Amino acid sequence: MGKAVGMVEVFGLVTAFAACDAGCKAADVTVERFDKNKPANADKLPVPLLVVVKFRGTVDNVTAAVEAAVEAANRVSGVVSHYVIPNVEDDTEKMLKIHGFDKN
């Protein structure tokens, strides 16, 4: 099992950077690559791109980072969802490495 991971899915890249910055300032965490998703109903969303920010560290630090990131993102364009996984299993770890920024 690995470190805790916290994920915050937000509307747009600018919001992702604001969330990432707030999370990193709030706690001792590292950040993994952002992930993107353009859902089928993108035209109906406030911003047509969803971005996931992933924080790594201890459960307490990740939780603090996610809370700060959610607060910051809500001041910009909003949060779609957020979640903290305390102890990541190996199979889940593989899935966390998948991201959309390498794809066209």
N, C-alpha and C. Protein backbone atom coordinates (compact mmCIF):
# COMPACT_ATOMS: atom_id res chain seq x y z
N MET A 1 0.84 -1.19 0.00
CA MET A 1 0.00 0.00 0.00
C MET A 1 0.88 1.24 0.00
N GLY A 2 0.40 2.27 -0.70
CA GLY A 2 1.17 3.49 -0.83
C GLY A 2 0.69 4.58 0.10
N LYS A 3 1.16 5.78 -0.19
CA LYS A 3 0.73 6.95 0.56
C LYS A 3 -0.73 7.25 0.28
N ALA A 4 -1.27 8.12 1.08
CA ALA A 4 -2.65 8.58 0.82
C ALA A 4 -2.66 9.41 -0.45
N VAL A 5 -3.78 9.41 -1.12
CA VAL A 5 -3.97 10.26 -2.29
C VAL A 5 -5.29 11.00 -2.13
N GLY A 6 -5.26 12.27 -2.48
CA GLY A 6 -6.47 13.08 -2.47
C GLY A 6 -6.69 13.61 -3.87
N MET A 7 -7.91 13.55 -4.33
CA MET A 7 -8.25 13.99 -5.68
C MET A 7 -9.32 15.07 -5.60
N VAL A 8 -9.10 16.12 -6.38
CA VAL A 8 -10.08 17.20 -6.47
C VAL A 8 -10.35 17.44 -7.95
N GLU A 9 -11.58 17.22 -8.37
CA GLU A 9 -11.97 17.43 -9.77
C GLU A 9 -12.65 18.78 -9.87
N VAL A 10 -12.13 19.62 -10.77
CA VAL A 10 -12.60 21.01 -10.86
C VAL A 10 -12.94 21.37 -12.30
N PHE A 11 -13.62 22.52 -12.45
CA PHE A 11 -13.95 23.05 -13.77
C PHE A 11 -12.81 23.92 -14.28
N GLY A 12 -12.04 23.43 -15.24
CA GLY A 12 -11.04 24.24 -15.93
C GLY A 12 -9.64 24.19 -15.36
N LEU A 13 -8.69 24.51 -16.23
CA LEU A 13 -7.27 24.45 -15.87
C LEU A 13 -6.86 25.56 -14.90
N VAL A 14 -7.39 26.74 -15.06
CA VAL A 14 -7.06 27.84 -14.14
C VAL A 14 -7.50 27.47 -12.72
N THR A 15 -8.68 26.91 -12.60
CA THR A 15 -9.17 26.48 -11.29
C THR A 15 -8.28 25.38 -10.72
N ALA A 16 -7.80 24.49 -11.58
CA ALA A 16 -6.91 23.42 -11.13
C ALA A 16 -5.61 24.01 -10.56
N PHE A 17 -5.06 25.01 -11.21
CA PHE A 17 -3.84 25.63 -10.69
C PHE A 17 -4.11 26.34 -9.36
N ALA A 18 -5.24 27.01 -9.25
CA ALA A 18 -5.58 27.68 -7.99
C ALA A 18 -5.75 26.65 -6.87
N ALA A 19 -6.42 25.54 -7.17
CA ALA A 19 -6.62 24.48 -6.18
C ALA A 19 -5.29 23.85 -5.79
N CYS A 20 -4.45 23.58 -6.77
CA CYS A 20 -3.14 22.98 -6.52
C CYS A 20 -2.29 23.88 -5.63
N ASP A 21 -2.26 25.15 -5.95
CA ASP A 21 -1.47 26.10 -5.17
C ASP A 21 -1.95 26.16 -3.72
N ALA A 22 -3.25 26.23 -3.53
CA ALA A 22 -3.81 26.30 -2.17
C ALA A 22 -3.51 25.02 -1.40
N GLY A 23 -3.66 23.88 -2.04
CA GLY A 23 -3.39 22.61 -1.37
C GLY A 23 -1.94 22.47 -0.95
N CYS A 24 -1.04 22.87 -1.84
CA CYS A 24 0.39 22.77 -1.53
C CYS A 24 0.82 23.73 -0.42
N LYS A 25 0.17 24.88 -0.35
CA LYS A 25 0.48 25.85 0.70
C LYS A 25 -0.10 25.42 2.05
N ALA A 26 -1.16 24.64 2.02
CA ALA A 26 -1.85 24.25 3.25
C ALA A 26 -1.22 23.06 3.94
N ALA A 27 -0.48 22.23 3.21
CA ALA A 27 0.01 20.98 3.80
C ALA A 27 1.27 20.50 3.08
N ASP A 28 1.96 19.60 3.74
CA ASP A 28 3.17 19.00 3.19
C ASP A 28 2.78 17.84 2.28
N VAL A 29 2.51 18.17 1.01
CA VAL A 29 2.09 17.17 0.03
C VAL A 29 2.90 17.32 -1.24
N THR A 30 2.85 16.29 -2.06
CA THR A 30 3.37 16.40 -3.41
C THR A 30 2.19 16.32 -4.37
N VAL A 31 2.41 16.79 -5.58
CA VAL A 31 1.34 16.80 -6.58
C VAL A 31 1.76 15.91 -7.73
N GLU A 32 0.81 15.14 -8.22
CA GLU A 32 1.04 14.33 -9.41
C GLU A 32 0.50 15.08 -10.62
N ARG A 33 0.74 14.53 -11.79
CA ARG A 33 0.23 15.16 -13.00
C ARG A 33 -1.27 15.40 -12.91
N PHE A 34 -1.70 16.51 -13.47
CA PHE A 34 -3.12 16.76 -13.58
C PHE A 34 -3.70 15.77 -14.59
N ASP A 35 -4.98 15.52 -14.48
CA ASP A 35 -5.68 14.70 -15.46
C ASP A 35 -6.82 15.53 -16.01
N LYS A 36 -7.19 15.28 -17.25
CA LYS A 36 -8.27 16.06 -17.86
C LYS A 36 -9.36 15.15 -18.40
N ASN A 37 -10.53 15.72 -18.54
CA ASN A 37 -11.66 15.00 -19.09
C ASN A 37 -12.58 16.02 -19.72
N LYS A 38 -12.98 15.76 -20.95
CA LYS A 38 -13.98 16.61 -21.60
C LYS A 38 -15.22 15.73 -21.75
N PRO A 39 -16.17 15.88 -20.84
CA PRO A 39 -17.36 15.02 -20.87
C PRO A 39 -18.27 15.32 -22.06
N ALA A 40 -19.15 14.38 -22.32
CA ALA A 40 -20.09 14.51 -23.44
C ALA A 40 -20.97 15.74 -23.31
N ASN A 41 -21.31 16.13 -22.10
CA ASN A 41 -22.18 17.31 -21.88
C ASN A 41 -21.37 18.57 -21.62
N ALA A 42 -20.17 18.66 -22.19
CA ALA A 42 -19.26 19.77 -21.91
C ALA A 42 -19.88 21.14 -22.16
N ASP A 43 -20.73 21.25 -23.18
CA ASP A 43 -21.35 22.54 -23.50
C ASP A 43 -22.30 23.03 -22.41
N LYS A 44 -22.74 22.14 -21.56
CA LYS A 44 -23.68 22.52 -20.49
C LYS A 44 -22.97 22.84 -19.17
N LEU A 45 -21.65 22.67 -19.14
CA LEU A 45 -20.88 22.91 -17.91
C LEU A 45 -20.41 24.37 -17.84
N PRO A 46 -20.11 24.86 -16.63
CA PRO A 46 -19.59 26.23 -16.51
C PRO A 46 -18.29 26.43 -17.30
N VAL A 47 -17.46 25.42 -17.35
CA VAL A 47 -16.22 25.40 -18.13
C VAL A 47 -16.17 24.01 -18.78
N PRO A 48 -15.93 23.91 -20.09
CA PRO A 48 -16.07 22.62 -20.78
C PRO A 48 -14.94 21.62 -20.56
N LEU A 49 -14.09 21.83 -19.59
CA LEU A 49 -13.00 20.91 -19.31
C LEU A 49 -12.96 20.61 -17.82
N LEU A 50 -12.90 19.35 -17.47
CA LEU A 50 -12.74 18.95 -16.08
C LEU A 50 -11.29 18.54 -15.86
N VAL A 51 -10.71 18.97 -14.76
CA VAL A 51 -9.32 18.66 -14.44
C VAL A 51 -9.26 18.08 -13.03
N VAL A 52 -8.47 17.02 -12.86
CA VAL A 52 -8.29 16.40 -11.55
C VAL A 52 -6.89 16.74 -11.04
N VAL A 53 -6.84 17.26 -9.82
CA VAL A 53 -5.58 17.52 -9.13
C VAL A 53 -5.40 16.39 -8.11
N LYS A 54 -4.21 15.78 -8.09
CA LYS A 54 -3.94 14.66 -7.17
C LYS A 54 -2.83 15.03 -6.21
N PHE A 55 -3.13 14.94 -4.92
CA PHE A 55 -2.16 15.22 -3.86
C PHE A 55 -1.70 13.91 -3.24
N ARG A 56 -0.44 13.83 -2.83
CA ARG A 56 0.10 12.65 -2.14
C ARG A 56 0.75 13.07 -0.84
N GLY A 57 0.65 12.21 0.17
CA GLY A 57 1.28 12.45 1.47
C GLY A 57 0.60 11.63 2.54
N THR A 58 0.75 12.07 3.78
CA THR A 58 0.07 11.39 4.88
C THR A 58 -1.42 11.70 4.79
N VAL A 59 -2.22 10.90 5.47
CA VAL A 59 -3.67 11.12 5.43
C VAL A 59 -4.02 12.52 5.93
N ASP A 60 -3.42 12.94 7.04
CA ASP A 60 -3.72 14.26 7.59
C ASP A 60 -3.34 15.38 6.63
N ASN A 61 -2.15 15.27 6.03
CA ASN A 61 -1.71 16.31 5.10
C ASN A 61 -2.54 16.33 3.83
N VAL A 62 -2.86 15.16 3.31
CA VAL A 62 -3.68 15.09 2.09
C VAL A 62 -5.07 15.65 2.36
N THR A 63 -5.64 15.31 3.50
CA THR A 63 -6.96 15.82 3.85
C THR A 63 -6.95 17.35 3.95
N ALA A 64 -5.92 17.89 4.58
CA ALA A 64 -5.80 19.35 4.69
C ALA A 64 -5.63 20.00 3.31
N ALA A 65 -4.84 19.37 2.45
CA ALA A 65 -4.63 19.89 1.09
C ALA A 65 -5.92 19.88 0.29
N VAL A 66 -6.67 18.79 0.38
CA VAL A 66 -7.93 18.69 -0.35
C VAL A 66 -8.92 19.74 0.15
N GLU A 67 -9.01 19.91 1.44
CA GLU A 67 -9.93 20.93 1.99
C GLU A 67 -9.57 22.32 1.49
N ALA A 68 -8.29 22.66 1.49
CA ALA A 68 -7.84 23.97 1.01
C ALA A 68 -8.08 24.11 -0.50
N ALA A 69 -7.84 23.03 -1.24
CA ALA A 69 -8.04 23.05 -2.69
C ALA A 69 -9.52 23.25 -3.03
N VAL A 70 -10.39 22.58 -2.32
CA VAL A 70 -11.83 22.72 -2.56
C VAL A 70 -12.27 24.16 -2.30
N GLU A 71 -11.81 24.72 -1.21
CA GLU A 71 -12.16 26.10 -0.87
C GLU A 71 -11.69 27.07 -1.96
N ALA A 72 -10.45 26.90 -2.41
CA ALA A 72 -9.90 27.78 -3.45
C ALA A 72 -10.64 27.60 -4.78
N ALA A 73 -10.91 26.36 -5.14
CA ALA A 73 -11.58 26.08 -6.42
C ALA A 73 -12.99 26.65 -6.44
N ASN A 74 -13.66 26.60 -5.32
CA ASN A 74 -15.01 27.15 -5.25
C ASN A 74 -15.03 28.66 -5.42
N ARG A 75 -13.91 29.32 -5.15
CA ARG A 75 -13.83 30.77 -5.37
C ARG A 75 -13.61 31.10 -6.85
N VAL A 76 -13.18 30.11 -7.64
CA VAL A 76 -12.92 30.37 -9.07
C VAL A 76 -14.11 29.89 -9.91
N SER A 77 -14.17 28.61 -10.21
CA SER A 77 -15.29 28.14 -11.04
C SER A 77 -16.01 26.92 -10.47
N GLY A 78 -15.47 26.33 -9.41
CA GLY A 78 -16.20 25.27 -8.74
C GLY A 78 -15.55 23.90 -8.75
N VAL A 79 -16.10 23.06 -7.90
CA VAL A 79 -15.61 21.69 -7.71
C VAL A 79 -16.68 20.72 -8.20
N VAL A 80 -16.24 19.71 -8.92
CA VAL A 80 -17.15 18.66 -9.37
C VAL A 80 -17.24 17.60 -8.28
N SER A 81 -16.08 17.14 -7.80
CA SER A 81 -16.03 16.14 -6.73
C SER A 81 -14.65 16.15 -6.08
N HIS A 82 -14.57 15.50 -4.92
CA HIS A 82 -13.28 15.36 -4.25
C HIS A 82 -13.34 14.11 -3.38
N TYR A 83 -12.15 13.52 -3.16
CA TYR A 83 -12.12 12.27 -2.39
C TYR A 83 -10.69 12.02 -1.90
N VAL A 84 -10.58 11.41 -0.71
CA VAL A 84 -9.28 11.02 -0.16
C VAL A 84 -9.27 9.51 0.01
N ILE A 85 -8.22 8.86 -0.50
CA ILE A 85 -8.01 7.43 -0.31
C ILE A 85 -6.86 7.29 0.69
N PRO A 86 -7.11 6.80 1.90
CA PRO A 86 -6.07 6.75 2.93
C PRO A 86 -4.88 5.84 2.60
N ASN A 87 -5.12 4.65 2.12
CA ASN A 87 -4.04 3.71 1.79
C ASN A 87 -4.35 3.10 0.43
N VAL A 88 -3.61 3.52 -0.56
CA VAL A 88 -3.89 3.10 -1.93
C VAL A 88 -3.36 1.69 -2.18
N GLU A 89 -4.23 0.83 -2.67
CA GLU A 89 -3.85 -0.54 -3.04
C GLU A 89 -3.07 -0.51 -4.35
N ASP A 90 -2.28 -1.55 -4.60
CA ASP A 90 -1.43 -1.61 -5.79
C ASP A 90 -2.23 -1.48 -7.09
N ASP A 91 -3.36 -2.16 -7.19
CA ASP A 91 -4.16 -2.10 -8.41
C ASP A 91 -4.74 -0.71 -8.63
N THR A 92 -5.14 -0.06 -7.56
CA THR A 92 -5.64 1.31 -7.68
C THR A 92 -4.50 2.24 -8.06
N GLU A 93 -3.32 1.97 -7.54
CA GLU A 93 -2.14 2.76 -7.86
C GLU A 93 -1.89 2.79 -9.37
N LYS A 94 -2.06 1.66 -10.02
CA LYS A 94 -1.89 1.59 -11.48
C LYS A 94 -2.88 2.50 -12.19
N MET A 95 -4.11 2.51 -11.72
CA MET A 95 -5.14 3.33 -12.34
C MET A 95 -4.88 4.83 -12.13
N LEU A 96 -4.28 5.18 -11.00
CA LEU A 96 -3.99 6.58 -10.71
C LEU A 96 -2.93 7.15 -11.65
N LYS A 97 -2.16 6.30 -12.29
CA LYS A 97 -1.12 6.76 -13.20
C LYS A 97 -1.68 7.13 -14.59
N ILE A 98 -2.91 6.73 -14.86
CA ILE A 98 -3.54 7.04 -16.14
C ILE A 98 -3.96 8.51 -16.13
N HIS A 99 -3.66 9.21 -17.22
CA HIS A 99 -4.07 10.60 -17.32
C HIS A 99 -4.28 10.97 -18.78
N GLY A 100 -5.04 12.00 -19.02
CA GLY A 100 -5.44 12.37 -20.37
C GLY A 100 -4.60 13.44 -21.04
N PHE A 101 -3.64 14.03 -20.36
CA PHE A 101 -2.87 15.10 -20.98
C PHE A 101 -1.88 14.60 -22.02
N ASP A 102 -1.58 13.31 -22.05
CA ASP A 102 -0.71 12.76 -23.08
C ASP A 102 -1.48 12.39 -24.34
N LYS A 103 -2.78 12.44 -24.29
CA LYS A 103 -3.61 12.05 -25.41
C LYS A 103 -4.08 13.28 -26.17
N ASN A 104 -4.32 13.10 -27.43
CA ASN A 104 -4.82 14.21 -28.26
C ASN A 104 -6.30 14.38 -28.12
